[in-house]
Amino acid sequence: MTNFILIGIFVGLGLLFRRLEAFPKDSAQVLNMFALYVSLPALILLKMPQLHLGREALLVAVVPWAMLVLSVGLILLAARKFGWSRAKTGVLLLVVPVGNTSFMGVPMVNAFFGPKGIPYLIVYDQVGTMVIFALYGSLILALYGREGKLQISSIVRRAVLFPPSIAMAVGLALRPWPYSEMVSSTLHGISQSLTPLVMTAIGMQLNWRLQRSVFGPLSCGLVIKLLIAPLMTLAVCRLAGMDGLHVDIAVFEAGMPPMVTAGALAVVAGMESELAIALIGVGIIFSFATLPILFSLL
């Protein structure tokens, strides 16, 4: 509970800082980049040696792919039923299936499950979300984006060479050799900066305005991402008799709000920018209510 209160404090500070002239307009982006290139890789390097590779990790890796199939199917059915434009459908197909499983996931998992849940989160994020974003996301951008604006090969290359992806590969390679106390302490100290940085940046980026024209697809997308996906994961796991920390983390990660990067690329690609921005901003706001409810069901 204390960690969740701290998350609220940092988000509140972000909301405050965005109103102060002392903070430049790109402050949130600077905080996010530091977290991406320094804090998150340090956390991954620290936690990867603690991961037990086996059936539990495999289940966690499979869940985001199953949620991809579910989300795409539901979005295509809804788009056909309600007659949404190609631009709106493209945004939903790109943004809804991939969650904010690292930047939003790490603070939330830490708050509700503690450090022991982080290794499974890393598997979900790196083997699931990032690979899906690189492969499937590139396909959607090619099919629905504005022609000539994006180089798909560049997106795939960036995903593979992302600092968190490199940190995961290095962490796996170093599993046979335990870290010294000094290395572990250093990585722990650096990784502790992740939650303050990311949550403050989220507070700086929250947008409370909602356009009426996007309310229908926005509601559908967020219901799929924040409710249907995690509840379906939970139901299937329980019916199959599966439980444990790895199942809880997989369900919890399935309920994360849409990925910020996916929304930004949708805007750059010339899709429905208002819908993309609303999915990110409103999704984050609602997740502060849906994630605690989801945790109570586990």
C-alpha atoms as a PDB file:
ATOM      1  CA  MET A   1       0.000   0.000   0.000  1.00  0.00           C
ATOM      2  CA  THR A   2       2.903   2.340   0.808  1.00  0.00           C
ATOM      3  CA  ASN A   3       4.380   1.829  -2.666  1.00  0.00           C
ATOM      4  CA  PHE A   4       1.021   2.569  -4.293  1.00  0.00           C
ATOM      5  CA  ILE A   5       0.770   5.806  -2.297  1.00  0.00           C
ATOM      6  CA  LEU A   6       4.260   6.757  -3.478  1.00  0.00           C
ATOM      7  CA  ILE A   7       3.163   6.177  -7.084  1.00  0.00           C
ATOM      8  CA  GLY A   8       0.263   8.567  -6.536  1.00  0.00           C
ATOM      9  CA  ILE A   9       2.610  11.154  -5.029  1.00  0.00           C
ATOM     10  CA  PHE A  10       4.988  11.050  -7.997  1.00  0.00           C
ATOM     11  CA  VAL A  11       2.114  11.288 -10.497  1.00  0.00           C
ATOM     12  CA  GLY A  12       0.828  14.274  -8.533  1.00  0.00           C
ATOM     13  CA  LEU A  13       4.256  15.879  -8.645  1.00  0.00           C
ATOM     14  CA  GLY A  14       4.269  15.400 -12.408  1.00  0.00           C
ATOM     15  CA  LEU A  15       0.910  17.158 -12.691  1.00  0.00           C
ATOM     16  CA  LEU A  16       2.334  20.009 -10.619  1.00  0.00           C
ATOM     17  CA  PHE A  17       5.624  20.267 -12.486  1.00  0.00           C
ATOM     18  CA  ARG A  18       3.898  20.561 -15.881  1.00  0.00           C
ATOM     19  CA  ARG A  19       2.407  23.857 -14.651  1.00  0.00           C
ATOM     20  CA  LEU A  20       5.757  25.297 -13.539  1.00  0.00           C
ATOM     21  CA  GLU A  21       7.832  27.327 -15.996  1.00  0.00           C
ATOM     22  CA  ALA A  22      11.018  25.930 -14.430  1.00  0.00           C
ATOM     23  CA  PHE A  23      10.365  22.617 -16.205  1.00  0.00           C
ATOM     24  CA  PRO A  24      10.809  22.677 -20.022  1.00  0.00           C
ATOM     25  CA  LYS A  25       8.090  21.176 -22.219  1.00  0.00           C
ATOM     26  CA  ASP A  26      10.232  18.126 -23.035  1.00  0.00           C
ATOM     27  CA  SER A  27      10.949  17.270 -19.390  1.00  0.00           C
ATOM     28  CA  ALA A  28       8.748  14.174 -19.493  1.00  0.00           C
ATOM     29  CA  GLN A  29      10.596  12.875 -22.545  1.00  0.00           C
ATOM     30  CA  VAL A  30      13.964  13.387 -20.826  1.00  0.00           C
ATOM     31  CA  LEU A  31      12.795  11.472 -17.765  1.00  0.00           C
ATOM     32  CA  ASN A  32      11.458   8.638 -19.938  1.00  0.00           C
ATOM     33  CA  MET A  33      14.694   8.378 -21.915  1.00  0.00           C
ATOM     34  CA  PHE A  34      16.804   8.217 -18.754  1.00  0.00           C
ATOM     35  CA  ALA A  35      14.539   5.487 -17.408  1.00  0.00           C
ATOM     36  CA  LEU A  36      14.746   3.591 -20.711  1.00  0.00           C
ATOM     37  CA  TYR A  37      18.507   3.796 -21.114  1.00  0.00           C
ATOM     38  CA  VAL A  38      19.650   3.599 -17.482  1.00  0.00           C
ATOM     39  CA  SER A  39      17.097   2.662 -14.807  1.00  0.00           C
ATOM     40  CA  LEU A  40      15.208  -0.135 -16.582  1.00  0.00           C
ATOM     41  CA  PRO A  41      18.328  -1.908 -17.953  1.00  0.00           C
ATOM     42  CA  ALA A  42      19.829  -1.829 -14.464  1.00  0.00           C
ATOM     43  CA  LEU A  43      16.692  -3.441 -13.041  1.00  0.00           C
ATOM     44  CA  ILE A  44      16.709  -6.127 -15.746  1.00  0.00           C
ATOM     45  CA  LEU A  45      20.387  -6.907 -15.170  1.00  0.00           C
ATOM     46  CA  LEU A  46      19.689  -7.204 -11.450  1.00  0.00           C
ATOM     47  CA  LYS A  47      16.614  -9.435 -11.738  1.00  0.00           C
ATOM     48  CA  MET A  48      17.328 -11.719 -14.717  1.00  0.00           C
ATOM     49  CA  PRO A  49      19.689 -14.039 -12.778  1.00  0.00           C
ATOM     50  CA  GLN A  50      16.820 -14.630 -10.314  1.00  0.00           C
ATOM     51  CA  LEU A  51      14.536 -16.004 -13.026  1.00  0.00           C
ATOM     52  CA  HIS A  52      13.993 -19.766 -13.041  1.00  0.00           C
ATOM     53  CA  LEU A  53      13.679 -20.784 -16.672  1.00  0.00           C
ATOM     54  CA  GLY A  54      11.022 -23.461 -17.050  1.00  0.00           C
ATOM     55  CA  ARG A  55       7.316 -24.043 -17.452  1.00  0.00           C
ATOM     56  CA  GLU A  56       6.354 -21.012 -15.364  1.00  0.00           C
ATOM     57  CA  ALA A  57       8.405 -18.597 -17.471  1.00  0.00           C
ATOM     58  CA  LEU A  58       7.040 -20.216 -20.641  1.00  0.00           C
ATOM     59  CA  LEU A  59       3.444 -19.588 -19.533  1.00  0.00           C
ATOM     60  CA  VAL A  60       4.213 -15.938 -18.822  1.00  0.00           C
ATOM     61  CA  ALA A  61       5.764 -15.595 -22.294  1.00  0.00           C
ATOM     62  CA  VAL A  62       2.759 -17.191 -24.025  1.00  0.00           C
ATOM     63  CA  VAL A  63       0.057 -15.004 -22.429  1.00  0.00           C
ATOM     64  CA  PRO A  64       0.811 -11.745 -24.329  1.00  0.00           C
ATOM     65  CA  TRP A  65       0.678 -13.636 -27.640  1.00  0.00           C
ATOM     66  CA  ALA A  66      -2.680 -15.138 -26.726  1.00  0.00           C
ATOM     67  CA  MET A  67      -3.935 -11.670 -25.763  1.00  0.00           C
ATOM     68  CA  LEU A  68      -2.764 -10.387 -29.149  1.00  0.00           C
ATOM     69  CA  VAL A  69      -5.000 -12.875 -30.957  1.00  0.00           C
ATOM     70  CA  LEU A  70      -7.942 -12.101 -28.661  1.00  0.00           C
ATOM     71  CA  SER A  71      -7.576  -8.328 -28.978  1.00  0.00           C
ATOM     72  CA  VAL A  72      -7.227  -8.332 -32.758  1.00  0.00           C
ATOM     73  CA  GLY A  73     -10.296 -10.545 -33.158  1.00  0.00           C
ATOM     74  CA  LEU A  74     -12.449  -8.366 -30.914  1.00  0.00           C
ATOM     75  CA  ILE A  75     -11.283  -5.124 -32.544  1.00  0.00           C
ATOM     76  CA  LEU A  76     -12.006  -6.364 -36.077  1.00  0.00           C
ATOM     77  CA  LEU A  77     -15.471  -7.533 -35.021  1.00  0.00           C
ATOM     78  CA  ALA A  78     -16.243  -4.195 -33.354  1.00  0.00           C
ATOM     79  CA  ALA A  79     -14.886  -2.180 -36.295  1.00  0.00           C
ATOM     80  CA  ARG A  80     -17.106  -4.108 -38.694  1.00  0.00           C
ATOM     81  CA  LYS A  81     -20.178  -3.787 -36.472  1.00  0.00           C
ATOM     82  CA  PHE A  82     -19.842  -0.045 -35.809  1.00  0.00           C
ATOM     83  CA  GLY A  83     -18.377   0.934 -39.168  1.00  0.00           C
ATOM     84  CA  TRP A  84     -15.261   2.665 -37.852  1.00  0.00           C
ATOM     85  CA  SER A  85     -12.907   4.285 -40.333  1.00  0.00           C
ATOM     86  CA  ARG A  86      -9.702   2.633 -41.503  1.00  0.00           C
ATOM     87  CA  ALA A  87      -7.641   5.176 -39.518  1.00  0.00           C
ATOM     88  CA  LYS A  88      -9.486   4.454 -36.250  1.00  0.00           C
ATOM     89  CA  THR A  89      -9.304   0.689 -36.812  1.00  0.00           C
ATOM     90  CA  GLY A  90      -5.568   0.922 -37.471  1.00  0.00           C
ATOM     91  CA  VAL A  91      -4.974   2.812 -34.230  1.00  0.00           C
ATOM     92  CA  LEU A  92      -6.918   0.244 -32.217  1.00  0.00           C
ATOM     93  CA  LEU A  93      -5.082  -2.660 -33.868  1.00  0.00           C
ATOM     94  CA  LEU A  94      -1.710  -1.062 -33.149  1.00  0.00           C
ATOM     95  CA  VAL A  95      -2.216   0.379 -29.666  1.00  0.00           C
ATOM     96  CA  VAL A  96      -4.626  -1.944 -27.844  1.00  0.00           C
ATOM     97  CA  PRO A  97      -2.780  -5.314 -28.121  1.00  0.00           C
ATOM     98  CA  VAL A  98       0.514  -3.980 -26.684  1.00  0.00           C
ATOM     99  CA  GLY A  99       0.547  -2.826 -23.072  1.00  0.00           C
ATOM    100  CA  ASN A 100       2.720  -0.459 -21.080  1.00  0.00           C
ATOM    101  CA  THR A 101       4.247  -3.526 -19.432  1.00  0.00           C
ATOM    102  CA  SER A 102       7.613  -2.038 -18.492  1.00  0.00           C
ATOM    103  CA  PHE A 103       7.302   1.644 -17.568  1.00  0.00           C
ATOM    104  CA  MET A 104       3.857   1.253 -15.999  1.00  0.00           C
ATOM    105  CA  GLY A 105       4.300  -2.422 -15.199  1.00  0.00           C
ATOM    106  CA  VAL A 106       7.420  -2.236 -13.045  1.00  0.00           C
ATOM    107  CA  PRO A 107       6.120   0.342 -10.531  1.00  0.00           C
ATOM    108  CA  MET A 108       2.734  -1.365 -10.319  1.00  0.00           C
ATOM    109  CA  VAL A 109       4.101  -4.901  -9.943  1.00  0.00           C
ATOM    110  CA  ASN A 110       6.574  -3.623  -7.366  1.00  0.00           C
ATOM    111  CA  ALA A 111       3.758  -1.918  -5.477  1.00  0.00           C
ATOM    112  CA  PHE A 112       1.395  -4.910  -5.393  1.00  0.00           C
ATOM    113  CA  PHE A 113       3.694  -7.957  -5.535  1.00  0.00           C
ATOM    114  CA  GLY A 114       7.100  -6.718  -4.455  1.00  0.00           C
ATOM    115  CA  PRO A 115      10.508  -7.359  -6.104  1.00  0.00           C
ATOM    116  CA  LYS A 116       9.874 -11.103  -6.433  1.00  0.00           C
ATOM    117  CA  GLY A 117       7.439 -10.481  -9.291  1.00  0.00           C
ATOM    118  CA  ILE A 118       9.878  -8.472 -11.441  1.00  0.00           C
ATOM    119  CA  PRO A 119      11.640 -11.423 -13.171  1.00  0.00           C
ATOM    120  CA  TYR A 120       8.318 -12.698 -14.543  1.00  0.00           C
ATOM    121  CA  LEU A 121       7.410  -9.156 -15.601  1.00  0.00           C
ATOM    122  CA  ILE A 122      10.654  -8.959 -17.578  1.00  0.00           C
ATOM    123  CA  VAL A 123       9.777 -12.164 -19.456  1.00  0.00           C
ATOM    124  CA  TYR A 124       6.279 -10.860 -20.241  1.00  0.00           C
ATOM    125  CA  ASP A 125       7.650  -7.526 -21.420  1.00  0.00           C
ATOM    126  CA  GLN A 126      10.708  -8.606 -23.397  1.00  0.00           C
ATOM    127  CA  VAL A 127       9.607 -11.959 -24.863  1.00  0.00           C
ATOM    128  CA  GLY A 128       6.006 -10.872 -25.275  1.00  0.00           C
ATOM    129  CA  THR A 129       5.335  -7.147 -25.589  1.00  0.00           C
ATOM    130  CA  MET A 130       8.576  -6.053 -27.254  1.00  0.00           C
ATOM    131  CA  VAL A 131       8.677  -8.870 -29.825  1.00  0.00           C
ATOM    132  CA  ILE A 132       4.978  -8.373 -30.615  1.00  0.00           C
ATOM    133  CA  PHE A 133       5.534  -4.646 -31.000  1.00  0.00           C
ATOM    134  CA  ALA A 134       8.496  -5.194 -33.342  1.00  0.00           C
ATOM    135  CA  LEU A 135       6.877  -7.817 -35.581  1.00  0.00           C
ATOM    136  CA  TYR A 136       3.110  -7.298 -35.392  1.00  0.00           C
ATOM    137  CA  GLY A 137       3.395  -3.538 -34.817  1.00  0.00           C
ATOM    138  CA  SER A 138       5.528  -3.143 -37.933  1.00  0.00           C
ATOM    139  CA  LEU A 139       2.929  -5.032 -39.970  1.00  0.00           C
ATOM    140  CA  ILE A 140       0.074  -2.791 -38.772  1.00  0.00           C
ATOM    141  CA  LEU A 141       2.103   0.346 -39.465  1.00  0.00           C
ATOM    142  CA  ALA A 142       2.809  -0.914 -42.981  1.00  0.00           C
ATOM    143  CA  LEU A 143      -0.863  -1.739 -43.635  1.00  0.00           C
ATOM    144  CA  TYR A 144      -2.568   1.249 -41.999  1.00  0.00           C
ATOM    145  CA  GLY A 145       0.096   3.963 -41.760  1.00  0.00           C
ATOM    146  CA  ARG A 146       0.712   6.790 -44.197  1.00  0.00           C
ATOM    147  CA  GLU A 147       2.918   5.434 -46.948  1.00  0.00           C
ATOM    148  CA  GLY A 148       6.518   6.558 -46.960  1.00  0.00           C
ATOM    149  CA  LYS A 149       6.551   8.051 -43.481  1.00  0.00           C
ATOM    150  CA  LEU A 150       8.097   5.135 -41.594  1.00  0.00           C
ATOM    151  CA  GLN A 151      10.846   2.619 -42.249  1.00  0.00           C
ATOM    152  CA  ILE A 152       9.647  -0.699 -40.866  1.00  0.00           C
ATOM    153  CA  SER A 153      13.159  -2.192 -40.814  1.00  0.00           C
ATOM    154  CA  SER A 154      14.268   0.699 -38.614  1.00  0.00           C
ATOM    155  CA  ILE A 155      11.481  -0.011 -36.108  1.00  0.00           C
ATOM    156  CA  VAL A 156      12.438  -3.690 -35.904  1.00  0.00           C
ATOM    157  CA  ARG A 157      16.104  -2.811 -35.480  1.00  0.00           C
ATOM    158  CA  ARG A 158      15.340  -0.377 -32.671  1.00  0.00           C
ATOM    159  CA  ALA A 159      13.245  -2.971 -30.853  1.00  0.00           C
ATOM    160  CA  VAL A 160      16.047  -5.527 -31.028  1.00  0.00           C
ATOM    161  CA  LEU A 161      18.692  -2.996 -29.986  1.00  0.00           C
ATOM    162  CA  PHE A 162      16.613  -1.403 -27.217  1.00  0.00           C
ATOM    163  CA  PRO A 163      18.717  -1.100 -24.038  1.00  0.00           C
ATOM    164  CA  PRO A 164      16.229  -3.286 -22.069  1.00  0.00           C
ATOM    165  CA  SER A 165      16.494  -6.012 -24.737  1.00  0.00           C
ATOM    166  CA  ILE A 166      20.285  -5.897 -24.611  1.00  0.00           C
ATOM    167  CA  ALA A 167      20.189  -5.949 -20.800  1.00  0.00           C
ATOM    168  CA  MET A 168      18.006  -9.060 -20.874  1.00  0.00           C
ATOM    169  CA  ALA A 169      20.420 -10.856 -23.200  1.00  0.00           C
ATOM    170  CA  VAL A 170      23.391  -9.888 -21.031  1.00  0.00           C
ATOM    171  CA  GLY A 171      21.562 -10.863 -17.849  1.00  0.00           C
ATOM    172  CA  LEU A 172      20.763 -14.316 -19.258  1.00  0.00           C
ATOM    173  CA  ALA A 173      24.372 -14.801 -20.357  1.00  0.00           C
ATOM    174  CA  LEU A 174      25.653 -13.899 -16.880  1.00  0.00           C
ATOM    175  CA  ARG A 175      23.358 -16.302 -15.027  1.00  0.00           C
ATOM    176  CA  PRO A 176      26.149 -18.820 -14.270  1.00  0.00           C
ATOM    177  CA  TRP A 177      28.254 -16.128 -12.573  1.00  0.00           C
ATOM    178  CA  PRO A 178      26.703 -14.492  -9.478  1.00  0.00           C
ATOM    179  CA  TYR A 179      27.196 -10.758  -9.096  1.00  0.00           C
ATOM    180  CA  SER A 180      29.490  -9.430  -6.417  1.00  0.00           C
ATOM    181  CA  GLU A 181      27.898  -7.527  -3.568  1.00  0.00           C
ATOM    182  CA  MET A 182      29.204  -4.236  -4.981  1.00  0.00           C
ATOM    183  CA  VAL A 183      27.707  -4.886  -8.439  1.00  0.00           C
ATOM    184  CA  SER A 184      24.346  -5.944  -6.981  1.00  0.00           C
ATOM    185  CA  SER A 185      24.253  -2.913  -4.702  1.00  0.00           C
ATOM    186  CA  THR A 186      25.098  -0.565  -7.584  1.00  0.00           C
ATOM    187  CA  LEU A 187      22.446  -2.034  -9.886  1.00  0.00           C
ATOM    188  CA  HIS A 188      19.872  -1.902  -7.079  1.00  0.00           C
ATOM    189  CA  GLY A 189      20.631   1.751  -6.386  1.00  0.00           C
ATOM    190  CA  ILE A 190      20.294   2.722 -10.045  1.00  0.00           C
ATOM    191  CA  SER A 191      17.101   0.694 -10.533  1.00  0.00           C
ATOM    192  CA  GLN A 192      15.453   2.472  -7.592  1.00  0.00           C
ATOM    193  CA  SER A 193      15.225   5.604  -9.738  1.00  0.00           C
ATOM    194  CA  LEU A 194      12.784   3.932 -12.162  1.00  0.00           C
ATOM    195  CA  THR A 195       9.512   4.498 -10.283  1.00  0.00           C
ATOM    196  CA  PRO A 196      10.061   8.194  -9.435  1.00  0.00           C
ATOM    197  CA  LEU A 197      11.182   8.978 -12.993  1.00  0.00           C
ATOM    198  CA  VAL A 198       8.431   7.125 -14.834  1.00  0.00           C
ATOM    199  CA  MET A 199       5.533   8.087 -12.595  1.00  0.00           C
ATOM    200  CA  THR A 200       6.564  11.750 -12.579  1.00  0.00           C
ATOM    201  CA  ALA A 201       6.802  11.670 -16.393  1.00  0.00           C
ATOM    202  CA  ILE A 202       3.341  10.085 -16.611  1.00  0.00           C
ATOM    203  CA  GLY A 203       1.917  12.886 -14.469  1.00  0.00           C
ATOM    204  CA  MET A 204       3.486  15.441 -16.803  1.00  0.00           C
ATOM    205  CA  GLN A 205       1.909  13.788 -19.853  1.00  0.00           C
ATOM    206  CA  LEU A 206      -1.642  13.144 -18.645  1.00  0.00           C
ATOM    207  CA  ASN A 207      -4.285  14.790 -20.819  1.00  0.00           C
ATOM    208  CA  TRP A 208      -7.783  15.207 -19.385  1.00  0.00           C
ATOM    209  CA  ARG A 209      -9.496  16.350 -22.591  1.00  0.00           C
ATOM    210  CA  LEU A 210     -11.618  13.863 -24.509  1.00  0.00           C
ATOM    211  CA  GLN A 211     -12.954  14.355 -28.034  1.00  0.00           C
ATOM    212  CA  ARG A 212     -16.517  13.120 -28.603  1.00  0.00           C
ATOM    213  CA  SER A 213     -15.676  11.688 -32.014  1.00  0.00           C
ATOM    214  CA  VAL A 214     -13.368   9.068 -30.502  1.00  0.00           C
ATOM    215  CA  PHE A 215     -15.537   8.064 -27.538  1.00  0.00           C
ATOM    216  CA  GLY A 216     -16.912   4.883 -29.160  1.00  0.00           C
ATOM    217  CA  PRO A 217     -13.633   3.282 -30.333  1.00  0.00           C
ATOM    218  CA  LEU A 218     -11.856   4.609 -27.239  1.00  0.00           C
ATOM    219  CA  SER A 219     -14.339   2.913 -24.901  1.00  0.00           C
ATOM    220  CA  CYS A 220     -14.152  -0.326 -26.848  1.00  0.00           C
ATOM    221  CA  GLY A 221     -10.351  -0.336 -26.919  1.00  0.00           C
ATOM    222  CA  LEU A 222      -9.983   0.336 -23.207  1.00  0.00           C
ATOM    223  CA  VAL A 223     -12.611  -2.241 -22.228  1.00  0.00           C
ATOM    224  CA  ILE A 224     -10.693  -4.847 -24.224  1.00  0.00           C
ATOM    225  CA  LYS A 225      -7.291  -3.806 -22.843  1.00  0.00           C
ATOM    226  CA  LEU A 226      -8.089  -3.082 -19.203  1.00  0.00           C
ATOM    227  CA  LEU A 227     -10.903  -5.568 -18.534  1.00  0.00           C
ATOM    228  CA  ILE A 228     -11.515  -8.312 -21.092  1.00  0.00           C
ATOM    229  CA  ALA A 229      -7.866  -9.257 -21.681  1.00  0.00           C
ATOM    230  CA  PRO A 230      -6.846  -9.712 -18.017  1.00  0.00           C
ATOM    231  CA  LEU A 231     -10.154 -11.264 -16.943  1.00  0.00           C
ATOM    232  CA  MET A 232     -10.021 -13.738 -19.822  1.00  0.00           C
ATOM    233  CA  THR A 233      -6.443 -14.634 -18.858  1.00  0.00           C
ATOM    234  CA  LEU A 234      -7.501 -15.125 -15.253  1.00  0.00           C
ATOM    235  CA  ALA A 235     -10.505 -17.263 -16.195  1.00  0.00           C
ATOM    236  CA  VAL A 236      -8.496 -19.541 -18.497  1.00  0.00           C
ATOM    237  CA  CYS A 237      -5.724 -20.008 -15.924  1.00  0.00           C
ATOM    238  CA  ARG A 238      -8.167 -20.807 -13.130  1.00  0.00           C
ATOM    239  CA  LEU A 239     -10.148 -23.243 -15.302  1.00  0.00           C
ATOM    240  CA  ALA A 240      -6.874 -24.956 -16.174  1.00  0.00           C
ATOM    241  CA  GLY A 241      -6.011 -25.239 -12.473  1.00  0.00           C
ATOM    242  CA  MET A 242      -3.005 -22.904 -12.747  1.00  0.00           C
ATOM    243  CA  ASP A 243      -2.039 -20.557  -9.958  1.00  0.00           C
ATOM    244  CA  GLY A 244       1.046 -19.064  -8.378  1.00  0.00           C
ATOM    245  CA  LEU A 245       3.022 -15.852  -8.634  1.00  0.00           C
ATOM    246  CA  HIS A 246       3.828 -16.359 -12.326  1.00  0.00           C
ATOM    247  CA  VAL A 247       0.108 -16.613 -13.161  1.00  0.00           C
ATOM    248  CA  ASP A 248      -0.708 -13.532 -11.084  1.00  0.00           C
ATOM    249  CA  ILE A 249       1.982 -11.497 -12.850  1.00  0.00           C
ATOM    250  CA  ALA A 250       0.802 -12.667 -16.284  1.00  0.00           C
ATOM    251  CA  VAL A 251      -2.794 -11.657 -15.484  1.00  0.00           C
ATOM    252  CA  PHE A 252      -1.723  -8.339 -13.965  1.00  0.00           C
ATOM    253  CA  GLU A 253       0.496  -7.466 -16.935  1.00  0.00           C
ATOM    254  CA  ALA A 254      -2.314  -8.350 -19.345  1.00  0.00           C
ATOM    255  CA  GLY A 255      -4.312  -5.536 -17.716  1.00  0.00           C
ATOM    256  CA  MET A 256      -1.721  -2.782 -18.210  1.00  0.00           C
ATOM    257  CA  PRO A 257      -2.844   0.299 -20.198  1.00  0.00           C
ATOM    258  CA  PRO A 258      -1.729   0.734 -23.832  1.00  0.00           C
ATOM    259  CA  MET A 259       1.926   1.343 -24.647  1.00  0.00           C
ATOM    260  CA  VAL A 260       2.902   5.003 -24.978  1.00  0.00           C
ATOM    261  CA  THR A 261       5.368   4.301 -27.807  1.00  0.00           C
ATOM    262  CA  ALA A 262       2.687   2.550 -29.870  1.00  0.00           C
ATOM    263  CA  GLY A 263       0.429   5.579 -29.561  1.00  0.00           C
ATOM    264  CA  ALA A 264       3.241   7.935 -30.563  1.00  0.00           C
ATOM    265  CA  LEU A 265       4.032   5.855 -33.670  1.00  0.00           C
ATOM    266  CA  ALA A 266       0.344   5.820 -34.624  1.00  0.00           C
ATOM    267  CA  VAL A 267       0.392   9.622 -34.642  1.00  0.00           C
ATOM    268  CA  VAL A 268       3.625   9.760 -36.679  1.00  0.00           C
ATOM    269  CA  ALA A 269       2.194   7.235 -39.145  1.00  0.00           C
ATOM    270  CA  GLY A 270      -0.739   9.519 -39.919  1.00  0.00           C
ATOM    271  CA  MET A 271      -3.441   7.476 -38.205  1.00  0.00           C
ATOM    272  CA  GLU A 272      -6.251   8.905 -36.035  1.00  0.00           C
ATOM    273  CA  SER A 273      -4.090  10.994 -33.687  1.00  0.00           C
ATOM    274  CA  GLU A 274      -6.880  12.026 -31.306  1.00  0.00           C
ATOM    275  CA  LEU A 275      -7.819   8.400 -30.692  1.00  0.00           C
ATOM    276  CA  ALA A 276      -4.201   7.333 -30.214  1.00  0.00           C
ATOM    277  CA  ILE A 277      -3.539  10.093 -27.669  1.00  0.00           C
ATOM    278  CA  ALA A 278      -6.812   9.395 -25.843  1.00  0.00           C
ATOM    279  CA  LEU A 279      -6.076   5.653 -25.590  1.00  0.00           C
ATOM    280  CA  ILE A 280      -2.780   6.408 -23.870  1.00  0.00           C
ATOM    281  CA  GLY A 281      -3.880   9.208 -21.553  1.00  0.00           C
ATOM    282  CA  VAL A 282      -7.302   7.899 -20.523  1.00  0.00           C
ATOM    283  CA  GLY A 283      -5.931   4.346 -20.343  1.00  0.00           C
ATOM    284  CA  ILE A 284      -3.328   5.371 -17.782  1.00  0.00           C
ATOM    285  CA  ILE A 285      -5.899   7.264 -15.719  1.00  0.00           C
ATOM    286  CA  PHE A 286      -8.376   4.378 -15.659  1.00  0.00           C
ATOM    287  CA  SER A 287      -5.654   1.825 -14.900  1.00  0.00           C
ATOM    288  CA  PHE A 288      -5.135   3.395 -11.481  1.00  0.00           C
ATOM    289  CA  ALA A 289      -8.611   2.075 -10.678  1.00  0.00           C
ATOM    290  CA  THR A 290      -8.697  -1.162 -12.701  1.00  0.00           C
ATOM    291  CA  LEU A 291      -5.309  -2.533 -11.591  1.00  0.00           C
ATOM    292  CA  PRO A 292      -6.141  -2.527  -7.847  1.00  0.00           C
ATOM    293  CA  ILE A 293      -9.481  -4.196  -8.646  1.00  0.00           C
ATOM    294  CA  LEU A 294      -7.709  -6.797 -10.765  1.00  0.00           C
ATOM    295  CA  PHE A 295      -5.204  -7.438  -7.959  1.00  0.00           C
ATOM    296  CA  SER A 296      -8.054  -8.034  -5.511  1.00  0.00           C
ATOM    297  CA  LEU A 297      -9.363 -10.817  -7.808  1.00  0.00           C
ATOM    298  CA  LEU A 298      -6.068 -12.708  -7.873  1.00  0.00           C
END
